[in-house]
Amino acid sequence: MCLAILYPSIMRYAIVTCVTPNWLPAAAVTLLSCANNGAAAFADLLIVSPNPTATQRLELEAFNIRHGVNLVLIEIELSDLEQLGRG
């Protein structure tokens, strides 16, 4: 899933991908495409994923360096998702 969010108080957007950890590379490439088409100038590029491994976090950092982008990984706990599902 990919969506855009506006922070009204600071008039800044975020483009967010929500993926399971095994889809982190696909999310990174998706957001790289956004960055290459100018989105990084006005939006934060965020990946939300539950419980990525240390290796996956390091791979994303290496991806950021290699491509000159700043993709931010927001880690969530699966228990947080379970709570959200219960309302």
PDB file of N, CA and C in Angstrom:
ATOM      1  N   MET A   1       0.837  -1.151   0.000  1.00  0.00           N
ATOM      2  CA  MET A   1       0.000   0.000   0.000  1.00  0.00           C
ATOM      3  C   MET A   1       0.897   1.234   0.000  1.00  0.00           C
ATOM      4  N   CYS A   2       0.496   2.239  -0.711  1.00  0.00           N
ATOM      5  CA  CYS A   2       1.229   3.504  -0.760  1.00  0.00           C
ATOM      6  C   CYS A   2       0.206   4.621  -0.633  1.00  0.00           C
ATOM      7  N   LEU A   3       0.478   5.605   0.202  1.00  0.00           N
ATOM      8  CA  LEU A   3      -0.440   6.722   0.356  1.00  0.00           C
ATOM      9  C   LEU A   3       0.322   7.990   0.646  1.00  0.00           C
ATOM     10  N   ALA A   4      -0.354   9.105   0.462  1.00  0.00           N
ATOM     11  CA  ALA A   4       0.257  10.411   0.748  1.00  0.00           C
ATOM     12  C   ALA A   4      -0.507  11.062   1.892  1.00  0.00           C
ATOM     13  N   ILE A   5       0.211  11.681   2.791  1.00  0.00           N
ATOM     14  CA  ILE A   5      -0.365  12.338   3.962  1.00  0.00           C
ATOM     15  C   ILE A   5       0.122  13.784   3.987  1.00  0.00           C
ATOM     16  N   LEU A   6      -0.748  14.705   4.358  1.00  0.00           N
ATOM     17  CA  LEU A   6      -0.371  16.109   4.509  1.00  0.00           C
ATOM     18  C   LEU A   6      -0.333  16.448   5.987  1.00  0.00           C
ATOM     19  N   TYR A   7       0.793  17.036   6.432  1.00  0.00           N
ATOM     20  CA  TYR A   7       0.893  17.559   7.791  1.00  0.00           C
ATOM     21  C   TYR A   7       0.453  19.019   7.731  1.00  0.00           C
ATOM     22  N   PRO A   8      -0.807  19.330   8.062  1.00  0.00           N
ATOM     23  CA  PRO A   8      -1.303  20.699   7.875  1.00  0.00           C
ATOM     24  C   PRO A   8      -0.516  21.760   8.632  1.00  0.00           C
ATOM     25  N   SER A   9      -0.018  21.436   9.820  1.00  0.00           N
ATOM     26  CA  SER A   9       0.663  22.448  10.616  1.00  0.00           C
ATOM     27  C   SER A   9       1.972  22.910   9.989  1.00  0.00           C
ATOM     28  N   ILE A  10       2.608  22.065   9.202  1.00  0.00           N
ATOM     29  CA  ILE A  10       3.876  22.463   8.587  1.00  0.00           C
ATOM     30  C   ILE A  10       3.828  22.412   7.064  1.00  0.00           C
ATOM     31  N   MET A  11       2.654  22.112   6.514  1.00  0.00           N
ATOM     32  CA  MET A  11       2.449  22.075   5.065  1.00  0.00           C
ATOM     33  C   MET A  11       3.510  21.210   4.380  1.00  0.00           C
ATOM     34  N   ARG A  12       3.683  20.015   4.882  1.00  0.00           N
ATOM     35  CA  ARG A  12       4.628  19.062   4.303  1.00  0.00           C
ATOM     36  C   ARG A  12       3.888  17.737   4.098  1.00  0.00           C
ATOM     37  N   TYR A  13       4.217  17.052   3.062  1.00  0.00           N
ATOM     38  CA  TYR A  13       3.603  15.770   2.752  1.00  0.00           C
ATOM     39  C   TYR A  13       4.519  14.624   3.163  1.00  0.00           C
ATOM     40  N   ALA A  14       3.916  13.457   3.264  1.00  0.00           N
ATOM     41  CA  ALA A  14       4.677  12.221   3.432  1.00  0.00           C
ATOM     42  C   ALA A  14       4.101  11.201   2.460  1.00  0.00           C
ATOM     43  N   ILE A  15       4.977  10.498   1.791  1.00  0.00           N
ATOM     44  CA  ILE A  15       4.560   9.369   0.976  1.00  0.00           C
ATOM     45  C   ILE A  15       4.946   8.135   1.771  1.00  0.00           C
ATOM     46  N   VAL A  16       3.963   7.294   2.049  1.00  0.00           N
ATOM     47  CA  VAL A  16       4.142   6.185   2.981  1.00  0.00           C
ATOM     48  C   VAL A  16       3.862   4.864   2.274  1.00  0.00           C
ATOM     49  N   THR A  17       4.776   3.912   2.444  1.00  0.00           N
ATOM     50  CA  THR A  17       4.508   2.543   2.028  1.00  0.00           C
ATOM     51  C   THR A  17       4.421   1.692   3.285  1.00  0.00           C
ATOM     52  N   CYS A  18       3.456   0.799   3.316  1.00  0.00           N
ATOM     53  CA  CYS A  18       3.259  -0.103   4.449  1.00  0.00           C
ATOM     54  C   CYS A  18       3.463  -1.522   3.936  1.00  0.00           C
ATOM     55  N   VAL A  19       4.505  -2.187   4.437  1.00  0.00           N
ATOM     56  CA  VAL A  19       4.859  -3.504   3.918  1.00  0.00           C
ATOM     57  C   VAL A  19       5.319  -4.431   5.035  1.00  0.00           C
ATOM     58  N   THR A  20       5.243  -5.729   4.760  1.00  0.00           N
ATOM     59  CA  THR A  20       5.882  -6.700   5.635  1.00  0.00           C
ATOM     60  C   THR A  20       7.379  -6.643   5.347  1.00  0.00           C
ATOM     61  N   PRO A  21       8.214  -7.084   6.277  1.00  0.00           N
ATOM     62  CA  PRO A  21       9.666  -6.949   6.089  1.00  0.00           C
ATOM     63  C   PRO A  21      10.217  -7.553   4.795  1.00  0.00           C
ATOM     64  N   ASN A  22       9.649  -8.656   4.332  1.00  0.00           N
ATOM     65  CA  ASN A  22      10.175  -9.252   3.105  1.00  0.00           C
ATOM     66  C   ASN A  22       9.891  -8.408   1.865  1.00  0.00           C
ATOM     67  N   TRP A  23       9.037  -7.412   1.986  1.00  0.00           N
ATOM     68  CA  TRP A  23       8.731  -6.508   0.871  1.00  0.00           C
ATOM     69  C   TRP A  23       9.474  -5.176   0.984  1.00  0.00           C
ATOM     70  N   LEU A  24      10.391  -5.047   1.934  1.00  0.00           N
ATOM     71  CA  LEU A  24      11.149  -3.798   2.076  1.00  0.00           C
ATOM     72  C   LEU A  24      11.877  -3.390   0.794  1.00  0.00           C
ATOM     73  N   PRO A  25      12.522  -4.319   0.071  1.00  0.00           N
ATOM     74  CA  PRO A  25      13.181  -3.892  -1.176  1.00  0.00           C
ATOM     75  C   PRO A  25      12.204  -3.287  -2.193  1.00  0.00           C
ATOM     76  N   ALA A  26      11.023  -3.867  -2.309  1.00  0.00           N
ATOM     77  CA  ALA A  26      10.029  -3.332  -3.241  1.00  0.00           C
ATOM     78  C   ALA A  26       9.566  -1.944  -2.801  1.00  0.00           C
ATOM     79  N   ALA A  27       9.394  -1.761  -1.505  1.00  0.00           N
ATOM     80  CA  ALA A  27       8.989  -0.457  -0.988  1.00  0.00           C
ATOM     81  C   ALA A  27      10.074   0.580  -1.257  1.00  0.00           C
ATOM     82  N   ALA A  28      11.326   0.177  -1.062  1.00  0.00           N
ATOM     83  CA  ALA A  28      12.439   1.105  -1.294  1.00  0.00           C
ATOM     84  C   ALA A  28      12.505   1.530  -2.755  1.00  0.00           C
ATOM     85  N   VAL A  29      12.338   0.593  -3.667  1.00  0.00           N
ATOM     86  CA  VAL A  29      12.378   0.921  -5.098  1.00  0.00           C
ATOM     87  C   VAL A  29      11.194   1.816  -5.475  1.00  0.00           C
ATOM     88  N   THR A  30      10.034   1.550  -4.896  1.00  0.00           N
ATOM     89  CA  THR A  30       8.856   2.387  -5.157  1.00  0.00           C
ATOM     90  C   THR A  30       9.118   3.831  -4.727  1.00  0.00           C
ATOM     91  N   LEU A  31       9.666   3.994  -3.514  1.00  0.00           N
ATOM     92  CA  LEU A  31       9.928   5.345  -3.015  1.00  0.00           C
ATOM     93  C   LEU A  31      11.101   5.991  -3.749  1.00  0.00           C
ATOM     94  N   LEU A  32      12.057   5.196  -4.206  1.00  0.00           N
ATOM     95  CA  LEU A  32      13.142   5.750  -5.020  1.00  0.00           C
ATOM     96  C   LEU A  32      12.578   6.346  -6.302  1.00  0.00           C
ATOM     97  N   SER A  33      11.610   5.681  -6.898  1.00  0.00           N
ATOM     98  CA  SER A  33      10.960   6.220  -8.088  1.00  0.00           C
ATOM     99  C   SER A  33      10.287   7.557  -7.776  1.00  0.00           C
ATOM    100  N   CYS A  34       9.641   7.635  -6.620  1.00  0.00           N
ATOM    101  CA  CYS A  34       9.022   8.902  -6.202  1.00  0.00           C
ATOM    102  C   CYS A  34      10.088   9.991  -6.075  1.00  0.00           C
ATOM    103  N   ALA A  35      11.198   9.643  -5.421  1.00  0.00           N
ATOM    104  CA  ALA A  35      12.285  10.612  -5.225  1.00  0.00           C
ATOM    105  C   ALA A  35      12.866  11.054  -6.565  1.00  0.00           C
ATOM    106  N   ASN A  36      13.060  10.106  -7.477  1.00  0.00           N
ATOM    107  CA  ASN A  36      13.626  10.434  -8.781  1.00  0.00           C
ATOM    108  C   ASN A  36      12.711  11.308  -9.630  1.00  0.00           C
ATOM    109  N   ASN A  37      11.439  11.331  -9.269  1.00  0.00           N
ATOM    110  CA  ASN A  37      10.475  12.148 -10.005  1.00  0.00           C
ATOM    111  C   ASN A  37      10.080  13.405  -9.240  1.00  0.00           C
ATOM    112  N   GLY A  38      10.907  13.795  -8.268  1.00  0.00           N
ATOM    113  CA  GLY A  38      10.751  15.090  -7.611  1.00  0.00           C
ATOM    114  C   GLY A  38      10.005  15.110  -6.296  1.00  0.00           C
ATOM    115  N   ALA A  39       9.484  13.985  -5.844  1.00  0.00           N
ATOM    116  CA  ALA A  39       8.675  13.987  -4.627  1.00  0.00           C
ATOM    117  C   ALA A  39       9.473  14.334  -3.379  1.00  0.00           C
ATOM    118  N   ALA A  40      10.759  14.012  -3.364  1.00  0.00           N
ATOM    119  CA  ALA A  40      11.562  14.263  -2.169  1.00  0.00           C
ATOM    120  C   ALA A  40      11.679  15.752  -1.852  1.00  0.00           C
ATOM    121  N   ALA A  41      11.421  16.597  -2.821  1.00  0.00           N
ATOM    122  CA  ALA A  41      11.497  18.040  -2.596  1.00  0.00           C
ATOM    123  C   ALA A  41      10.370  18.551  -1.706  1.00  0.00           C
ATOM    124  N   PHE A  42       9.248  17.839  -1.676  1.00  0.00           N
ATOM    125  CA  PHE A  42       8.109  18.324  -0.891  1.00  0.00           C
ATOM    126  C   PHE A  42       7.503  17.268   0.034  1.00  0.00           C
ATOM    127  N   ALA A  43       8.077  16.063   0.069  1.00  0.00           N
ATOM    128  CA  ALA A  43       7.480  15.005   0.887  1.00  0.00           C
ATOM    129  C   ALA A  43       8.556  14.169   1.565  1.00  0.00           C
ATOM    130  N   ASP A  44       8.248  13.725   2.776  1.00  0.00           N
ATOM    131  CA  ASP A  44       9.078  12.731   3.453  1.00  0.00           C
ATOM    132  C   ASP A  44       8.726  11.372   2.856  1.00  0.00           C
ATOM    133  N   LEU A  45       9.711  10.513   2.708  1.00  0.00           N
ATOM    134  CA  LEU A  45       9.506   9.195   2.115  1.00  0.00           C
ATOM    135  C   LEU A  45       9.649   8.151   3.218  1.00  0.00           C
ATOM    136  N   LEU A  46       8.537   7.520   3.573  1.00  0.00           N
ATOM    137  CA  LEU A  46       8.486   6.667   4.755  1.00  0.00           C
ATOM    138  C   LEU A  46       8.090   5.238   4.401  1.00  0.00           C
ATOM    139  N   ILE A  47       8.708   4.291   5.087  1.00  0.00           N
ATOM    140  CA  ILE A  47       8.326   2.884   5.002  1.00  0.00           C
ATOM    141  C   ILE A  47       7.908   2.444   6.395  1.00  0.00           C
ATOM    142  N   VAL A  48       6.699   1.919   6.523  1.00  0.00           N
ATOM    143  CA  VAL A  48       6.209   1.382   7.788  1.00  0.00           C
ATOM    144  C   VAL A  48       6.216  -0.131   7.664  1.00  0.00           C
ATOM    145  N   SER A  49       6.890  -0.787   8.617  1.00  0.00           N
ATOM    146  CA  SER A  49       7.017  -2.241   8.544  1.00  0.00           C
ATOM    147  C   SER A  49       7.097  -2.829   9.950  1.00  0.00           C
ATOM    148  N   PRO A  50       6.454  -3.972  10.149  1.00  0.00           N
ATOM    149  CA  PRO A  50       6.532  -4.615  11.461  1.00  0.00           C
ATOM    150  C   PRO A  50       7.785  -5.479  11.601  1.00  0.00           C
ATOM    151  N   ASN A  51       8.540  -5.228  12.642  1.00  0.00           N
ATOM    152  CA  ASN A  51       9.655  -6.077  13.061  1.00  0.00           C
ATOM    153  C   ASN A  51      10.687  -6.418  11.991  1.00  0.00           C
ATOM    154  N   PRO A  52      11.258  -5.434  11.301  1.00  0.00           N
ATOM    155  CA  PRO A  52      12.332  -5.765  10.355  1.00  0.00           C
ATOM    156  C   PRO A  52      13.574  -6.231  11.120  1.00  0.00           C
ATOM    157  N   THR A  53      14.364  -7.061  10.489  1.00  0.00           N
ATOM    158  CA  THR A  53      15.581  -7.562  11.131  1.00  0.00           C
ATOM    159  C   THR A  53      16.674  -6.499  11.059  1.00  0.00           C
ATOM    160  N   ALA A  54      17.717  -6.719  11.831  1.00  0.00           N
ATOM    161  CA  ALA A  54      18.864  -5.798  11.802  1.00  0.00           C
ATOM    162  C   ALA A  54      19.479  -5.778  10.404  1.00  0.00           C
ATOM    163  N   THR A  55      19.555  -6.922   9.772  1.00  0.00           N
ATOM    164  CA  THR A  55      20.102  -6.996   8.403  1.00  0.00           C
ATOM    165  C   THR A  55      19.253  -6.182   7.433  1.00  0.00           C
ATOM    166  N   GLN A  56      17.954  -6.280   7.551  1.00  0.00           N
ATOM    167  CA  GLN A  56      17.069  -5.516   6.663  1.00  0.00           C
ATOM    168  C   GLN A  56      17.222  -4.017   6.884  1.00  0.00           C
ATOM    169  N   ARG A  57      17.399  -3.616   8.140  1.00  0.00           N
ATOM    170  CA  ARG A  57      17.615  -2.188   8.427  1.00  0.00           C
ATOM    171  C   ARG A  57      18.936  -1.714   7.813  1.00  0.00           C
ATOM    172  N   LEU A  58      19.979  -2.527   7.942  1.00  0.00           N
ATOM    173  CA  LEU A  58      21.280  -2.173   7.358  1.00  0.00           C
ATOM    174  C   LEU A  58      21.218  -2.128   5.828  1.00  0.00           C
ATOM    175  N   GLU A  59      20.485  -3.048   5.236  1.00  0.00           N
ATOM    176  CA  GLU A  59      20.331  -3.047   3.779  1.00  0.00           C
ATOM    177  C   GLU A  59      19.624  -1.779   3.307  1.00  0.00           C
ATOM    178  N   LEU A  60      18.628  -1.316   4.069  1.00  0.00           N
ATOM    179  CA  LEU A  60      17.944  -0.072   3.696  1.00  0.00           C
ATOM    180  C   LEU A  60      18.889   1.118   3.836  1.00  0.00           C
ATOM    181  N   GLU A  61      19.699   1.144   4.883  1.00  0.00           N
ATOM    182  CA  GLU A  61      20.684   2.223   5.035  1.00  0.00           C
ATOM    183  C   GLU A  61      21.660   2.229   3.861  1.00  0.00           C
ATOM    184  N   ALA A  62      22.115   1.060   3.452  1.00  0.00           N
ATOM    185  CA  ALA A  62      23.024   0.961   2.304  1.00  0.00           C
ATOM    186  C   ALA A  62      22.330   1.422   1.025  1.00  0.00           C
ATOM    187  N   PHE A  63      21.061   1.088   0.870  1.00  0.00           N
ATOM    188  CA  PHE A  63      20.272   1.525  -0.283  1.00  0.00           C
ATOM    189  C   PHE A  63      20.206   3.052  -0.321  1.00  0.00           C
ATOM    190  N   ASN A  64      19.925   3.654   0.852  1.00  0.00           N
ATOM    191  CA  ASN A  64      19.864   5.119   0.937  1.00  0.00           C
ATOM    192  C   ASN A  64      21.177   5.750   0.483  1.00  0.00           C
ATOM    193  N   ILE A  65      22.281   5.219   0.953  1.00  0.00           N
ATOM    194  CA  ILE A  65      23.595   5.767   0.602  1.00  0.00           C
ATOM    195  C   ILE A  65      23.874   5.579  -0.889  1.00  0.00           C
ATOM    196  N   ARG A  66      23.624   4.357  -1.367  1.00  0.00           N
ATOM    197  CA  ARG A  66      23.911   4.033  -2.764  1.00  0.00           C
ATOM    198  C   ARG A  66      23.126   4.910  -3.736  1.00  0.00           C
ATOM    199  N   HIS A  67      21.880   5.244  -3.377  1.00  0.00           N
ATOM    200  CA  HIS A  67      21.013   5.997  -4.287  1.00  0.00           C
ATOM    201  C   HIS A  67      20.845   7.471  -3.906  1.00  0.00           C
ATOM    202  N   GLY A  68      21.473   7.891  -2.816  1.00  0.00           N
ATOM    203  CA  GLY A  68      21.402   9.290  -2.411  1.00  0.00           C
ATOM    204  C   GLY A  68      20.007   9.747  -2.010  1.00  0.00           C
ATOM    205  N   VAL A  69      19.274   8.865  -1.335  1.00  0.00           N
ATOM    206  CA  VAL A  69      17.925   9.212  -0.878  1.00  0.00           C
ATOM    207  C   VAL A  69      17.860   9.084   0.639  1.00  0.00           C
ATOM    208  N   ASN A  70      16.770   9.556   1.219  1.00  0.00           N
ATOM    209  CA  ASN A  70      16.559   9.439   2.655  1.00  0.00           C
ATOM    210  C   ASN A  70      15.206   8.780   2.892  1.00  0.00           C
ATOM    211  N   LEU A  71      15.175   7.456   2.773  1.00  0.00           N
ATOM    212  CA  LEU A  71      13.969   6.698   3.077  1.00  0.00           C
ATOM    213  C   LEU A  71      13.990   6.386   4.561  1.00  0.00           C
ATOM    214  N   VAL A  72      12.924   6.726   5.247  1.00  0.00           N
ATOM    215  CA  VAL A  72      12.861   6.552   6.698  1.00  0.00           C
ATOM    216  C   VAL A  72      12.041   5.306   7.010  1.00  0.00           C
ATOM    217  N   LEU A  73      12.628   4.418   7.786  1.00  0.00           N
ATOM    218  CA  LEU A  73      11.943   3.198   8.205  1.00  0.00           C
ATOM    219  C   LEU A  73      11.295   3.432   9.552  1.00  0.00           C
ATOM    220  N   ILE A  74       9.997   3.240   9.607  1.00  0.00           N
ATOM    221  CA  ILE A  74       9.248   3.335  10.860  1.00  0.00           C
ATOM    222  C   ILE A  74       8.871   1.917  11.252  1.00  0.00           C
ATOM    223  N   GLU A  75       9.455   1.469  12.335  1.00  0.00           N
ATOM    224  CA  GLU A  75       9.222   0.095  12.787  1.00  0.00           C
ATOM    225  C   GLU A  75       8.034   0.063  13.737  1.00  0.00           C
ATOM    226  N   ILE A  76       7.152  -0.896  13.510  1.00  0.00           N
ATOM    227  CA  ILE A  76       6.025  -1.086  14.416  1.00  0.00           C
ATOM    228  C   ILE A  76       6.055  -2.522  14.923  1.00  0.00           C
ATOM    229  N   GLU A  77       5.493  -2.721  16.066  1.00  0.00           N
ATOM    230  CA  GLU A  77       5.401  -4.061  16.661  1.00  0.00           C
ATOM    231  C   GLU A  77       4.105  -4.713  16.187  1.00  0.00           C
ATOM    232  N   LEU A  78       4.161  -5.998  15.953  1.00  0.00           N
ATOM    233  CA  LEU A  78       2.942  -6.705  15.551  1.00  0.00           C
ATOM    234  C   LEU A  78       1.862  -6.575  16.610  1.00  0.00           C
ATOM    235  N   SER A  79       2.254  -6.482  17.867  1.00  0.00           N
ATOM    236  CA  SER A  79       1.248  -6.326  18.930  1.00  0.00           C
ATOM    237  C   SER A  79       0.496  -5.012  18.756  1.00  0.00           C
ATOM    238  N   ASP A  80       1.166  -3.970  18.224  1.00  0.00           N
ATOM    239  CA  ASP A  80       0.478  -2.702  17.954  1.00  0.00           C
ATOM    240  C   ASP A  80      -0.618  -2.905  16.923  1.00  0.00           C
ATOM    241  N   LEU A  81      -0.326  -3.696  15.879  1.00  0.00           N
ATOM    242  CA  LEU A  81      -1.317  -3.970  14.850  1.00  0.00           C
ATOM    243  C   LEU A  81      -2.487  -4.754  15.407  1.00  0.00           C
ATOM    244  N   GLU A  82      -2.212  -5.696  16.295  1.00  0.00           N
ATOM    245  CA  GLU A  82      -3.273  -6.473  16.898  1.00  0.00           C
ATOM    246  C   GLU A  82      -4.210  -5.579  17.701  1.00  0.00           C
ATOM    247  N   GLN A  83      -3.626  -4.618  18.425  1.00  0.00           N
ATOM    248  CA  GLN A  83      -4.448  -3.686  19.199  1.00  0.00           C
ATOM    249  C   GLN A  83      -5.321  -2.831  18.280  1.00  0.00           C
ATOM    250  N   LEU A  84      -4.734  -2.374  17.160  1.00  0.00           N
ATOM    251  CA  LEU A  84      -5.498  -1.576  16.208  1.00  0.00           C
ATOM    252  C   LEU A  84      -6.658  -2.388  15.633  1.00  0.00           C
ATOM    253  N   GLY A  85      -6.412  -3.672  15.375  1.00  0.00           N
ATOM    254  CA  GLY A  85      -7.447  -4.524  14.810  1.00  0.00           C
ATOM    255  C   GLY A  85      -8.615  -4.748  15.753  1.00  0.00           C
ATOM    256  N   ARG A  86      -8.356  -4.630  17.032  1.00  0.00           N
ATOM    257  CA  ARG A  86      -9.424  -4.819  18.019  1.00  0.00           C
ATOM    258  C   ARG A  86     -10.243  -3.562  18.237  1.00  0.00           C
ATOM    259  N   GLY A  87      -9.703  -2.424  17.765  1.00  0.00           N
ATOM    260  CA  GLY A  87     -10.415  -1.164  17.905  1.00  0.00           C
ATOM    261  C   GLY A  87     -10.234  -0.632  19.249  1.00  0.00           C
TER     262      GLY A  87
END
